[in-house]
Amino acid sequence: MTDHRWLRLSGWGMGLAAAALLATFLPAAWRFDFPPAVPFLIAILLTTLGELGMRVRYGARAGRAGQASLDIGIAGGVAATVSGLLWATGFSGRGAMNASMAVMFGGLFVFGWVAIRRKPMPRGNVLPLLAGLWWPLIFLVSSVLGLADIQLDVSFGASLLLFLAMCIPLALLGYRTQADVRANPHAAP
């Protein structure tokens, strides 16, 4: 597979990760009988693939801070995959998966801050920031509330809106990444 095809695939992967994250709502909404770990694992793997593609395509233009933030995000994706597999096989891995996903999306968020300043992408430099904001924020707020022993009951609709706020920019980021590669397949990374 050529480099530009792999990079386009990583962009489409990130876009599909958004759909997989939204699919985590299907069991609750429509009573499908598959474990919620499955769509989470798919989303984690595809987001990690997307971050790896962004690292290859835009890392050099984003500088050390941009590269390091994507490296941290990729490491969070690997950790989330391992803990998600534990959860899927019946072990207690959901908490670790949520924390690792916060690192994965946090890396994307920090890359977004760098991208706004350095403009490594031809368009859509704010999308990593918007896509990466929500999971770490949700994780941080729920962790602080948990430490304070405060139970917050978030409705299905509010949860869905938060996921949409994360998934729409994630899907757009994946589309922008693959479109950039399609338009400039041989551009220097």
N, C-alpha and C. Protein backbone atom coordinates (compact mmCIF):
# COMPACT_ATOMS: atom_id res chain seq x y z
N MET A 1 0.86 -1.18 0.00
CA MET A 1 0.00 0.00 0.00
C MET A 1 0.90 1.24 0.00
N THR A 2 0.61 2.19 -0.85
CA THR A 2 1.42 3.40 -0.92
C THR A 2 1.16 4.27 0.30
N ASP A 3 2.12 5.16 0.56
CA ASP A 3 2.00 6.04 1.72
C ASP A 3 0.72 6.87 1.67
N HIS A 4 0.42 7.43 0.50
CA HIS A 4 -0.76 8.31 0.45
C HIS A 4 -2.05 7.51 0.64
N ARG A 5 -2.09 6.27 0.20
CA ARG A 5 -3.30 5.46 0.44
C ARG A 5 -3.44 5.13 1.93
N TRP A 6 -2.31 4.82 2.57
CA TRP A 6 -2.36 4.54 4.01
C TRP A 6 -2.81 5.79 4.77
N LEU A 7 -2.30 6.96 4.38
CA LEU A 7 -2.68 8.19 5.06
C LEU A 7 -4.16 8.51 4.84
N ARG A 8 -4.65 8.26 3.63
CA ARG A 8 -6.09 8.46 3.39
C ARG A 8 -6.91 7.50 4.23
N LEU A 9 -6.45 6.26 4.33
CA LEU A 9 -7.15 5.27 5.15
C LEU A 9 -7.18 5.70 6.61
N SER A 10 -6.08 6.27 7.10
CA SER A 10 -6.06 6.74 8.49
C SER A 10 -7.06 7.88 8.70
N GLY A 11 -7.20 8.74 7.70
CA GLY A 11 -8.20 9.81 7.80
C GLY A 11 -9.61 9.26 7.83
N TRP A 12 -9.90 8.32 6.93
CA TRP A 12 -11.22 7.70 6.93
C TRP A 12 -11.45 6.94 8.23
N GLY A 13 -10.38 6.34 8.77
CA GLY A 13 -10.49 5.64 10.04
C GLY A 13 -10.96 6.56 11.16
N MET A 14 -10.38 7.76 11.18
CA MET A 14 -10.78 8.72 12.22
C MET A 14 -12.25 9.12 12.05
N GLY A 15 -12.66 9.27 10.81
CA GLY A 15 -14.07 9.59 10.56
C GLY A 15 -14.99 8.46 11.01
N LEU A 16 -14.58 7.22 10.74
CA LEU A 16 -15.38 6.07 11.16
C LEU A 16 -15.34 5.88 12.67
N ALA A 17 -14.28 6.34 13.32
CA ALA A 17 -14.21 6.29 14.78
C ALA A 17 -15.36 7.07 15.39
N ALA A 18 -15.73 8.18 14.76
CA ALA A 18 -16.86 8.97 15.26
C ALA A 18 -18.14 8.15 15.21
N ALA A 19 -18.34 7.42 14.12
CA ALA A 19 -19.53 6.57 14.01
C ALA A 19 -19.51 5.46 15.06
N ALA A 20 -18.33 4.89 15.32
CA ALA A 20 -18.22 3.83 16.33
C ALA A 20 -18.53 4.38 17.72
N LEU A 21 -18.06 5.60 18.01
CA LEU A 21 -18.38 6.20 19.32
C LEU A 21 -19.89 6.41 19.47
N LEU A 22 -20.51 6.86 18.41
CA LEU A 22 -21.97 7.04 18.47
C LEU A 22 -22.68 5.69 18.60
N ALA A 23 -22.07 4.63 18.06
CA ALA A 23 -22.67 3.30 18.16
C ALA A 23 -22.68 2.78 19.60
N THR A 24 -21.89 3.39 20.48
CA THR A 24 -21.92 2.95 21.87
C THR A 24 -23.29 3.23 22.50
N PHE A 25 -24.07 4.09 21.87
CA PHE A 25 -25.41 4.39 22.37
C PHE A 25 -26.45 3.39 21.89
N LEU A 26 -26.12 2.60 20.86
CA LEU A 26 -27.11 1.68 20.30
C LEU A 26 -27.64 0.66 21.28
N PRO A 27 -26.78 0.01 22.08
CA PRO A 27 -27.35 -0.99 23.00
C PRO A 27 -28.40 -0.39 23.94
N ALA A 28 -28.14 0.80 24.44
CA ALA A 28 -29.09 1.43 25.37
C ALA A 28 -30.32 1.93 24.65
N ALA A 29 -30.12 2.49 23.45
CA ALA A 29 -31.24 3.11 22.76
C ALA A 29 -32.15 2.08 22.07
N TRP A 30 -31.55 1.05 21.47
CA TRP A 30 -32.36 0.12 20.69
C TRP A 30 -32.25 -1.32 21.17
N ARG A 31 -31.65 -1.53 22.34
CA ARG A 31 -31.57 -2.84 22.98
C ARG A 31 -30.87 -3.89 22.12
N PHE A 32 -29.83 -3.47 21.38
CA PHE A 32 -29.02 -4.44 20.66
C PHE A 32 -28.25 -5.27 21.68
N ASP A 33 -27.94 -6.48 21.31
CA ASP A 33 -27.30 -7.39 22.26
C ASP A 33 -25.82 -7.59 21.96
N PHE A 34 -25.07 -6.50 21.91
CA PHE A 34 -23.61 -6.64 21.84
C PHE A 34 -23.01 -5.80 22.94
N PRO A 35 -21.88 -6.27 23.48
CA PRO A 35 -21.29 -5.54 24.61
C PRO A 35 -20.82 -4.16 24.18
N PRO A 36 -21.00 -3.14 25.02
CA PRO A 36 -20.58 -1.79 24.65
C PRO A 36 -19.07 -1.67 24.45
N ALA A 37 -18.32 -2.64 24.95
CA ALA A 37 -16.87 -2.59 24.75
C ALA A 37 -16.50 -2.70 23.27
N VAL A 38 -17.34 -3.38 22.47
CA VAL A 38 -17.01 -3.60 21.06
C VAL A 38 -16.94 -2.27 20.29
N PRO A 39 -17.99 -1.43 20.31
CA PRO A 39 -17.84 -0.17 19.57
C PRO A 39 -16.77 0.75 20.17
N PHE A 40 -16.57 0.69 21.49
CA PHE A 40 -15.49 1.48 22.09
C PHE A 40 -14.14 1.03 21.54
N LEU A 41 -13.92 -0.28 21.47
CA LEU A 41 -12.65 -0.79 20.96
C LEU A 41 -12.43 -0.37 19.50
N ILE A 42 -13.48 -0.46 18.70
CA ILE A 42 -13.38 -0.04 17.30
C ILE A 42 -13.03 1.45 17.23
N ALA A 43 -13.72 2.26 18.03
CA ALA A 43 -13.45 3.71 18.05
C ALA A 43 -12.02 4.00 18.49
N ILE A 44 -11.55 3.29 19.50
CA ILE A 44 -10.19 3.51 20.01
C ILE A 44 -9.17 3.16 18.94
N LEU A 45 -9.33 2.00 18.32
CA LEU A 45 -8.37 1.57 17.28
C LEU A 45 -8.36 2.55 16.10
N LEU A 46 -9.54 2.97 15.66
CA LEU A 46 -9.62 3.87 14.51
C LEU A 46 -9.11 5.27 14.85
N THR A 47 -9.37 5.75 16.06
CA THR A 47 -8.85 7.06 16.46
C THR A 47 -7.33 7.01 16.56
N THR A 48 -6.80 5.92 17.11
CA THR A 48 -5.36 5.76 17.22
C THR A 48 -4.73 5.71 15.82
N LEU A 49 -5.35 4.99 14.90
CA LEU A 49 -4.88 4.95 13.52
C LEU A 49 -4.90 6.36 12.92
N GLY A 50 -5.97 7.11 13.17
CA GLY A 50 -6.07 8.47 12.67
C GLY A 50 -4.99 9.38 13.24
N GLU A 51 -4.73 9.25 14.54
CA GLU A 51 -3.68 10.07 15.16
C GLU A 51 -2.30 9.70 14.60
N LEU A 52 -2.09 8.42 14.35
CA LEU A 52 -0.83 7.98 13.75
C LEU A 52 -0.66 8.58 12.36
N GLY A 53 -1.72 8.56 11.57
CA GLY A 53 -1.68 9.18 10.24
C GLY A 53 -1.42 10.68 10.32
N MET A 54 -2.05 11.36 11.29
CA MET A 54 -1.81 12.79 11.45
C MET A 54 -0.37 13.05 11.86
N ARG A 55 0.18 12.17 12.70
CA ARG A 55 1.57 12.32 13.15
C ARG A 55 2.51 12.24 11.94
N VAL A 56 2.24 11.27 11.04
CA VAL A 56 3.08 11.11 9.85
C VAL A 56 2.89 12.30 8.91
N ARG A 57 1.66 12.69 8.69
CA ARG A 57 1.35 13.73 7.69
C ARG A 57 1.70 15.14 8.18
N TYR A 58 1.36 15.46 9.43
CA TYR A 58 1.48 16.85 9.89
C TYR A 58 2.50 17.06 11.00
N GLY A 59 3.06 15.99 11.53
CA GLY A 59 3.95 16.09 12.68
C GLY A 59 5.12 17.02 12.47
N ALA A 60 5.81 16.89 11.35
CA ALA A 60 6.99 17.73 11.11
C ALA A 60 6.61 19.20 11.04
N ARG A 61 5.48 19.49 10.42
CA ARG A 61 5.04 20.89 10.31
C ARG A 61 4.51 21.44 11.64
N ALA A 62 4.10 20.54 12.53
CA ALA A 62 3.57 20.97 13.83
C ALA A 62 4.67 21.19 14.85
N GLY A 63 5.88 20.75 14.57
CA GLY A 63 6.98 20.93 15.49
C GLY A 63 6.98 19.90 16.61
N ARG A 64 7.92 20.07 17.53
CA ARG A 64 8.09 19.10 18.62
C ARG A 64 6.86 18.96 19.50
N ALA A 65 6.25 20.09 19.83
CA ALA A 65 5.07 20.03 20.71
C ALA A 65 3.93 19.28 20.03
N GLY A 66 3.73 19.53 18.75
CA GLY A 66 2.68 18.83 18.02
C GLY A 66 2.96 17.35 17.91
N GLN A 67 4.21 17.00 17.62
CA GLN A 67 4.58 15.59 17.53
C GLN A 67 4.42 14.90 18.88
N ALA A 68 4.89 15.55 19.93
CA ALA A 68 4.82 14.95 21.27
C ALA A 68 3.36 14.76 21.69
N SER A 69 2.51 15.71 21.39
CA SER A 69 1.10 15.57 21.79
C SER A 69 0.44 14.41 21.05
N LEU A 70 0.75 14.23 19.78
CA LEU A 70 0.19 13.09 19.06
C LEU A 70 0.81 11.78 19.54
N ASP A 71 2.10 11.79 19.90
CA ASP A 71 2.73 10.59 20.46
C ASP A 71 2.02 10.19 21.76
N ILE A 72 1.71 11.16 22.60
CA ILE A 72 1.00 10.89 23.84
C ILE A 72 -0.41 10.35 23.54
N GLY A 73 -1.07 10.96 22.56
CA GLY A 73 -2.39 10.48 22.17
C GLY A 73 -2.35 9.05 21.65
N ILE A 74 -1.34 8.72 20.86
CA ILE A 74 -1.19 7.36 20.33
C ILE A 74 -0.92 6.38 21.48
N ALA A 75 -0.06 6.76 22.41
CA ALA A 75 0.21 5.91 23.58
C ALA A 75 -1.07 5.69 24.39
N GLY A 76 -1.87 6.75 24.54
CA GLY A 76 -3.16 6.61 25.23
C GLY A 76 -4.08 5.65 24.48
N GLY A 77 -4.04 5.69 23.15
CA GLY A 77 -4.84 4.77 22.35
C GLY A 77 -4.41 3.32 22.53
N VAL A 78 -3.10 3.10 22.62
CA VAL A 78 -2.61 1.74 22.84
C VAL A 78 -3.06 1.24 24.23
N ALA A 79 -2.91 2.09 25.25
CA ALA A 79 -3.34 1.73 26.60
C ALA A 79 -4.85 1.50 26.65
N ALA A 80 -5.61 2.33 25.95
CA ALA A 80 -7.06 2.17 25.92
C ALA A 80 -7.46 0.87 25.23
N THR A 81 -6.71 0.47 24.21
CA THR A 81 -6.98 -0.80 23.53
C THR A 81 -6.79 -1.97 24.49
N VAL A 82 -5.68 -1.95 25.21
CA VAL A 82 -5.40 -3.04 26.16
C VAL A 82 -6.47 -3.09 27.24
N SER A 83 -6.78 -1.95 27.85
CA SER A 83 -7.77 -1.95 28.93
C SER A 83 -9.17 -2.23 28.39
N GLY A 84 -9.46 -1.80 27.16
CA GLY A 84 -10.75 -2.12 26.54
C GLY A 84 -10.89 -3.62 26.27
N LEU A 85 -9.79 -4.25 25.86
CA LEU A 85 -9.81 -5.71 25.67
C LEU A 85 -10.05 -6.43 27.00
N LEU A 86 -9.44 -5.92 28.06
CA LEU A 86 -9.69 -6.50 29.39
C LEU A 86 -11.17 -6.38 29.75
N TRP A 87 -11.73 -5.20 29.51
CA TRP A 87 -13.14 -4.99 29.81
C TRP A 87 -14.02 -5.92 28.97
N ALA A 88 -13.69 -6.06 27.69
CA ALA A 88 -14.49 -6.89 26.79
C ALA A 88 -14.44 -8.37 27.19
N THR A 89 -13.36 -8.78 27.84
CA THR A 89 -13.23 -10.18 28.23
C THR A 89 -13.66 -10.43 29.67
N GLY A 90 -14.30 -9.46 30.28
CA GLY A 90 -14.88 -9.67 31.59
C GLY A 90 -14.05 -9.18 32.77
N PHE A 91 -12.90 -8.63 32.51
CA PHE A 91 -12.09 -8.10 33.60
C PHE A 91 -12.46 -6.65 33.86
N SER A 92 -11.99 -6.13 34.94
CA SER A 92 -12.28 -4.75 35.32
C SER A 92 -11.35 -3.80 34.59
N GLY A 93 -11.71 -3.40 33.39
CA GLY A 93 -10.85 -2.53 32.60
C GLY A 93 -11.51 -1.25 32.14
N ARG A 94 -12.79 -1.07 32.47
CA ARG A 94 -13.50 0.10 31.96
C ARG A 94 -12.94 1.41 32.48
N GLY A 95 -12.63 1.48 33.76
CA GLY A 95 -12.07 2.72 34.32
C GLY A 95 -10.74 3.07 33.69
N ALA A 96 -9.88 2.07 33.52
CA ALA A 96 -8.59 2.30 32.87
C ALA A 96 -8.79 2.70 31.41
N MET A 97 -9.78 2.09 30.76
CA MET A 97 -10.06 2.45 29.37
C MET A 97 -10.50 3.91 29.27
N ASN A 98 -11.39 4.34 30.18
CA ASN A 98 -11.84 5.73 30.16
C ASN A 98 -10.68 6.69 30.39
N ALA A 99 -9.80 6.37 31.34
CA ALA A 99 -8.64 7.22 31.61
C ALA A 99 -7.70 7.25 30.41
N SER A 100 -7.48 6.10 29.80
CA SER A 100 -6.59 6.03 28.63
C SER A 100 -7.18 6.78 27.44
N MET A 101 -8.50 6.70 27.30
CA MET A 101 -9.15 7.47 26.22
C MET A 101 -9.02 8.97 26.48
N ALA A 102 -9.03 9.37 27.76
CA ALA A 102 -8.82 10.79 28.08
C ALA A 102 -7.42 11.22 27.64
N VAL A 103 -6.44 10.35 27.82
CA VAL A 103 -5.08 10.65 27.35
C VAL A 103 -5.06 10.69 25.82
N MET A 104 -5.73 9.73 25.18
CA MET A 104 -5.76 9.68 23.72
C MET A 104 -6.36 10.96 23.14
N PHE A 105 -7.53 11.33 23.65
CA PHE A 105 -8.17 12.55 23.14
C PHE A 105 -7.46 13.81 23.65
N GLY A 106 -6.86 13.73 24.83
CA GLY A 106 -6.09 14.87 25.34
C GLY A 106 -4.91 15.20 24.44
N GLY A 107 -4.24 14.16 23.92
CA GLY A 107 -3.16 14.39 22.96
C GLY A 107 -3.66 15.10 21.71
N LEU A 108 -4.84 14.70 21.26
CA LEU A 108 -5.44 15.34 20.09
C LEU A 108 -5.79 16.80 20.40
N PHE A 109 -6.30 17.04 21.61
CA PHE A 109 -6.65 18.39 22.04
C PHE A 109 -5.42 19.31 22.05
N VAL A 110 -4.32 18.82 22.64
CA VAL A 110 -3.10 19.63 22.69
C VAL A 110 -2.55 19.86 21.29
N PHE A 111 -2.62 18.84 20.44
CA PHE A 111 -2.21 19.03 19.05
C PHE A 111 -3.06 20.14 18.41
N GLY A 112 -4.34 20.19 18.77
CA GLY A 112 -5.21 21.24 18.24
C GLY A 112 -4.75 22.63 18.63
N TRP A 113 -4.28 22.80 19.90
CA TRP A 113 -3.75 24.10 20.32
C TRP A 113 -2.52 24.47 19.49
N VAL A 114 -1.66 23.49 19.29
CA VAL A 114 -0.46 23.72 18.48
C VAL A 114 -0.85 24.03 17.04
N ALA A 115 -1.82 23.29 16.52
CA ALA A 115 -2.24 23.46 15.12
C ALA A 115 -2.85 24.84 14.88
N ILE A 116 -3.54 25.37 15.85
CA ILE A 116 -4.13 26.71 15.67
C ILE A 116 -3.01 27.73 15.47
N ARG A 117 -1.92 27.57 16.19
CA ARG A 117 -0.81 28.51 16.09
C ARG A 117 0.08 28.24 14.87
N ARG A 118 0.43 26.98 14.63
CA ARG A 118 1.42 26.65 13.60
C ARG A 118 0.82 26.34 12.24
N LYS A 119 -0.45 26.04 12.19
CA LYS A 119 -1.18 25.74 10.95
C LYS A 119 -0.51 24.65 10.11
N PRO A 120 -0.32 23.44 10.66
CA PRO A 120 0.31 22.38 9.89
C PRO A 120 -0.60 21.79 8.81
N MET A 121 -1.91 21.96 8.99
CA MET A 121 -2.89 21.43 8.04
C MET A 121 -3.34 22.56 7.12
N PRO A 122 -3.64 22.25 5.86
CA PRO A 122 -4.09 23.31 4.97
C PRO A 122 -5.41 23.95 5.39
N ARG A 123 -6.29 23.16 6.01
CA ARG A 123 -7.58 23.65 6.50
C ARG A 123 -7.98 22.85 7.72
N GLY A 124 -8.85 23.41 8.54
CA GLY A 124 -9.42 22.67 9.66
C GLY A 124 -8.51 22.52 10.86
N ASN A 125 -7.60 23.47 11.08
CA ASN A 125 -6.66 23.35 12.19
C ASN A 125 -7.32 23.41 13.56
N VAL A 126 -8.54 23.89 13.65
CA VAL A 126 -9.26 23.93 14.93
C VAL A 126 -9.94 22.58 15.24
N LEU A 127 -10.10 21.74 14.24
CA LEU A 127 -10.84 20.48 14.43
C LEU A 127 -10.21 19.54 15.46
N PRO A 128 -8.87 19.38 15.51
CA PRO A 128 -8.32 18.51 16.55
C PRO A 128 -8.64 19.01 17.96
N LEU A 129 -8.63 20.32 18.15
CA LEU A 129 -8.95 20.89 19.45
C LEU A 129 -10.40 20.58 19.82
N LEU A 130 -11.32 20.77 18.88
CA LEU A 130 -12.74 20.52 19.16
C LEU A 130 -13.03 19.04 19.36
N ALA A 131 -12.37 18.19 18.58
CA ALA A 131 -12.58 16.74 18.70
C ALA A 131 -11.97 16.20 19.99
N GLY A 132 -10.86 16.76 20.41
CA GLY A 132 -10.15 16.25 21.57
C GLY A 132 -10.60 16.81 22.90
N LEU A 133 -11.41 17.84 22.90
CA LEU A 133 -11.81 18.52 24.13
C LEU A 133 -12.71 17.70 25.04
N TRP A 134 -13.70 17.04 24.48
CA TRP A 134 -14.83 16.55 25.28
C TRP A 134 -14.51 15.36 26.16
N TRP A 135 -13.81 14.34 25.64
CA TRP A 135 -13.57 13.16 26.48
C TRP A 135 -12.73 13.50 27.71
N PRO A 136 -11.61 14.22 27.56
CA PRO A 136 -10.84 14.59 28.77
C PRO A 136 -11.66 15.45 29.73
N LEU A 137 -12.47 16.35 29.19
CA LEU A 137 -13.29 17.21 30.05
C LEU A 137 -14.32 16.38 30.83
N ILE A 138 -14.99 15.48 30.15
CA ILE A 138 -15.97 14.61 30.81
C ILE A 138 -15.27 13.76 31.87
N PHE A 139 -14.11 13.20 31.51
CA PHE A 139 -13.38 12.35 32.45
C PHE A 139 -12.94 13.16 33.67
N LEU A 140 -12.44 14.37 33.45
CA LEU A 140 -11.98 15.21 34.55
C LEU A 140 -13.13 15.58 35.49
N VAL A 141 -14.23 16.04 34.92
CA VAL A 141 -15.38 16.43 35.73
C VAL A 141 -15.93 15.24 36.50
N SER A 142 -16.07 14.09 35.84
CA SER A 142 -16.61 12.92 36.55
C SER A 142 -15.64 12.44 37.63
N SER A 143 -14.34 12.55 37.40
CA SER A 143 -13.36 12.15 38.42
C SER A 143 -13.42 13.07 39.63
N VAL A 144 -13.51 14.37 39.40
CA VAL A 144 -13.60 15.32 40.51
C VAL A 144 -14.89 15.11 41.30
N LEU A 145 -15.99 14.92 40.58
CA LEU A 145 -17.26 14.67 41.27
C LEU A 145 -17.21 13.35 42.04
N GLY A 146 -16.55 12.35 41.48
CA GLY A 146 -16.41 11.07 42.17
C GLY A 146 -15.60 11.19 43.44
N LEU A 147 -14.52 11.98 43.40
CA LEU A 147 -13.72 12.21 44.59
C LEU A 147 -14.51 12.93 45.67
N ALA A 148 -15.41 13.81 45.23
CA ALA A 148 -16.26 14.54 46.18
C ALA A 148 -17.49 13.74 46.57
N ASP A 149 -17.58 12.51 46.07
CA ASP A 149 -18.70 11.62 46.35
C ASP A 149 -20.04 12.23 45.93
N ILE A 150 -20.01 12.88 44.77
CA ILE A 150 -21.22 13.49 44.20
C ILE A 150 -21.63 12.65 42.99
N GLN A 151 -22.85 12.17 43.02
CA GLN A 151 -23.40 11.41 41.91
C GLN A 151 -24.12 12.37 40.97
N LEU A 152 -23.71 12.38 39.73
CA LEU A 152 -24.36 13.22 38.73
C LEU A 152 -25.04 12.29 37.74
N ASP A 153 -26.32 12.40 37.65
CA ASP A 153 -27.08 11.56 36.73
C ASP A 153 -27.30 12.35 35.44
N VAL A 154 -26.57 11.96 34.40
CA VAL A 154 -26.66 12.65 33.11
C VAL A 154 -27.65 11.90 32.25
N SER A 155 -28.58 12.61 31.69
CA SER A 155 -29.61 11.98 30.87
C SER A 155 -29.02 11.43 29.57
N PHE A 156 -29.75 10.52 28.97
CA PHE A 156 -29.35 9.95 27.69
C PHE A 156 -29.17 11.06 26.66
N GLY A 157 -30.10 12.00 26.63
CA GLY A 157 -30.04 13.10 25.65
C GLY A 157 -28.82 13.99 25.85
N ALA A 158 -28.50 14.30 27.10
CA ALA A 158 -27.32 15.13 27.37
C ALA A 158 -26.04 14.38 27.00
N SER A 159 -25.99 13.09 27.30
CA SER A 159 -24.83 12.29 26.91
C SER A 159 -24.68 12.25 25.40
N LEU A 160 -25.78 12.06 24.72
CA LEU A 160 -25.74 12.02 23.26
C LEU A 160 -25.26 13.35 22.69
N LEU A 161 -25.71 14.46 23.25
CA LEU A 161 -25.25 15.78 22.78
C LEU A 161 -23.75 15.96 22.99
N LEU A 162 -23.24 15.51 24.13
CA LEU A 162 -21.79 15.59 24.38
C LEU A 162 -21.01 14.74 23.37
N PHE A 163 -21.53 13.54 23.10
CA PHE A 163 -20.86 12.69 22.13
C PHE A 163 -20.93 13.29 20.72
N LEU A 164 -22.05 13.90 20.38
CA LEU A 164 -22.15 14.56 19.07
C LEU A 164 -21.17 15.73 18.97
N ALA A 165 -21.00 16.47 20.09
CA ALA A 165 -20.05 17.59 20.10
C ALA A 165 -18.63 17.10 19.88
N MET A 166 -18.35 15.86 20.26
CA MET A 166 -17.03 15.28 20.06
C MET A 166 -16.95 14.61 18.68
N CYS A 167 -17.99 13.90 18.29
CA CYS A 167 -17.94 13.07 17.09
C CYS A 167 -18.02 13.87 15.79
N ILE A 168 -18.76 14.94 15.78
CA ILE A 168 -18.86 15.74 14.55
C ILE A 168 -17.49 16.32 14.17
N PRO A 169 -16.78 16.99 15.09
CA PRO A 169 -15.43 17.47 14.70
C PRO A 169 -14.47 16.32 14.39
N LEU A 170 -14.62 15.18 15.08
CA LEU A 170 -13.76 14.03 14.80
C LEU A 170 -13.98 13.52 13.38
N ALA A 171 -15.24 13.41 12.98
CA ALA A 171 -15.55 12.97 11.62
C ALA A 171 -15.06 13.99 10.59
N LEU A 172 -15.25 15.27 10.88
CA LEU A 172 -14.76 16.31 9.96
C LEU A 172 -13.23 16.31 9.86
N LEU A 173 -12.55 16.05 10.99
CA LEU A 173 -11.10 15.97 10.99
C LEU A 173 -10.62 14.82 10.13
N GLY A 174 -11.28 13.67 10.27
CA GLY A 174 -10.93 12.53 9.43
C GLY A 174 -11.14 12.83 7.96
N TYR A 175 -12.27 13.47 7.64
CA TYR A 175 -12.54 13.83 6.25
C TYR A 175 -11.50 14.81 5.73
N ARG A 176 -11.18 15.85 6.52
CA ARG A 176 -10.20 16.85 6.09
C ARG A 176 -8.83 16.21 5.85
N THR A 177 -8.45 15.29 6.73
CA THR A 177 -7.15 14.65 6.61
C THR A 177 -7.06 13.83 5.32
N GLN A 178 -8.06 13.01 5.06
CA GLN A 178 -8.01 12.20 3.85
C GLN A 178 -8.16 13.06 2.60
N ALA A 179 -8.94 14.14 2.68
CA ALA A 179 -9.10 15.03 1.52
C ALA A 179 -7.79 15.76 1.21
N ASP A 180 -7.05 16.13 2.25
CA ASP A 180 -5.76 16.78 2.05
C ASP A 180 -4.80 15.83 1.34
N VAL A 181 -4.79 14.57 1.77
CA VAL A 181 -3.92 13.58 1.13
C VAL A 181 -4.35 13.33 -0.30
N ARG A 182 -5.67 13.26 -0.53
CA ARG A 182 -6.18 13.04 -1.88
C ARG A 182 -5.78 14.19 -2.79
N ALA A 183 -5.89 15.43 -2.29
CA ALA A 183 -5.58 16.59 -3.12
C ALA A 183 -4.08 16.75 -3.33
N ASN A 184 -3.27 16.37 -2.34
CA ASN A 184 -1.81 16.51 -2.42
C ASN A 184 -1.14 15.21 -1.99
N PRO A 185 -1.25 14.14 -2.80
CA PRO A 185 -0.76 12.84 -2.35
C PRO A 185 0.75 12.79 -2.13
N HIS A 186 1.49 13.63 -2.80
CA HIS A 186 2.95 13.56 -2.69
C HIS A 186 3.53 14.74 -1.93
N ALA A 187 2.68 15.48 -1.24
CA ALA A 187 3.19 16.60 -0.46
C ALA A 187 4.10 16.06 0.65
N ALA A 188 5.14 16.76 0.91
CA ALA A 188 6.10 16.31 1.94
C ALA A 188 5.42 16.36 3.30
N PRO A 189 5.54 15.25 4.06
CA PRO A 189 4.97 15.27 5.41
C PRO A 189 5.72 16.21 6.32
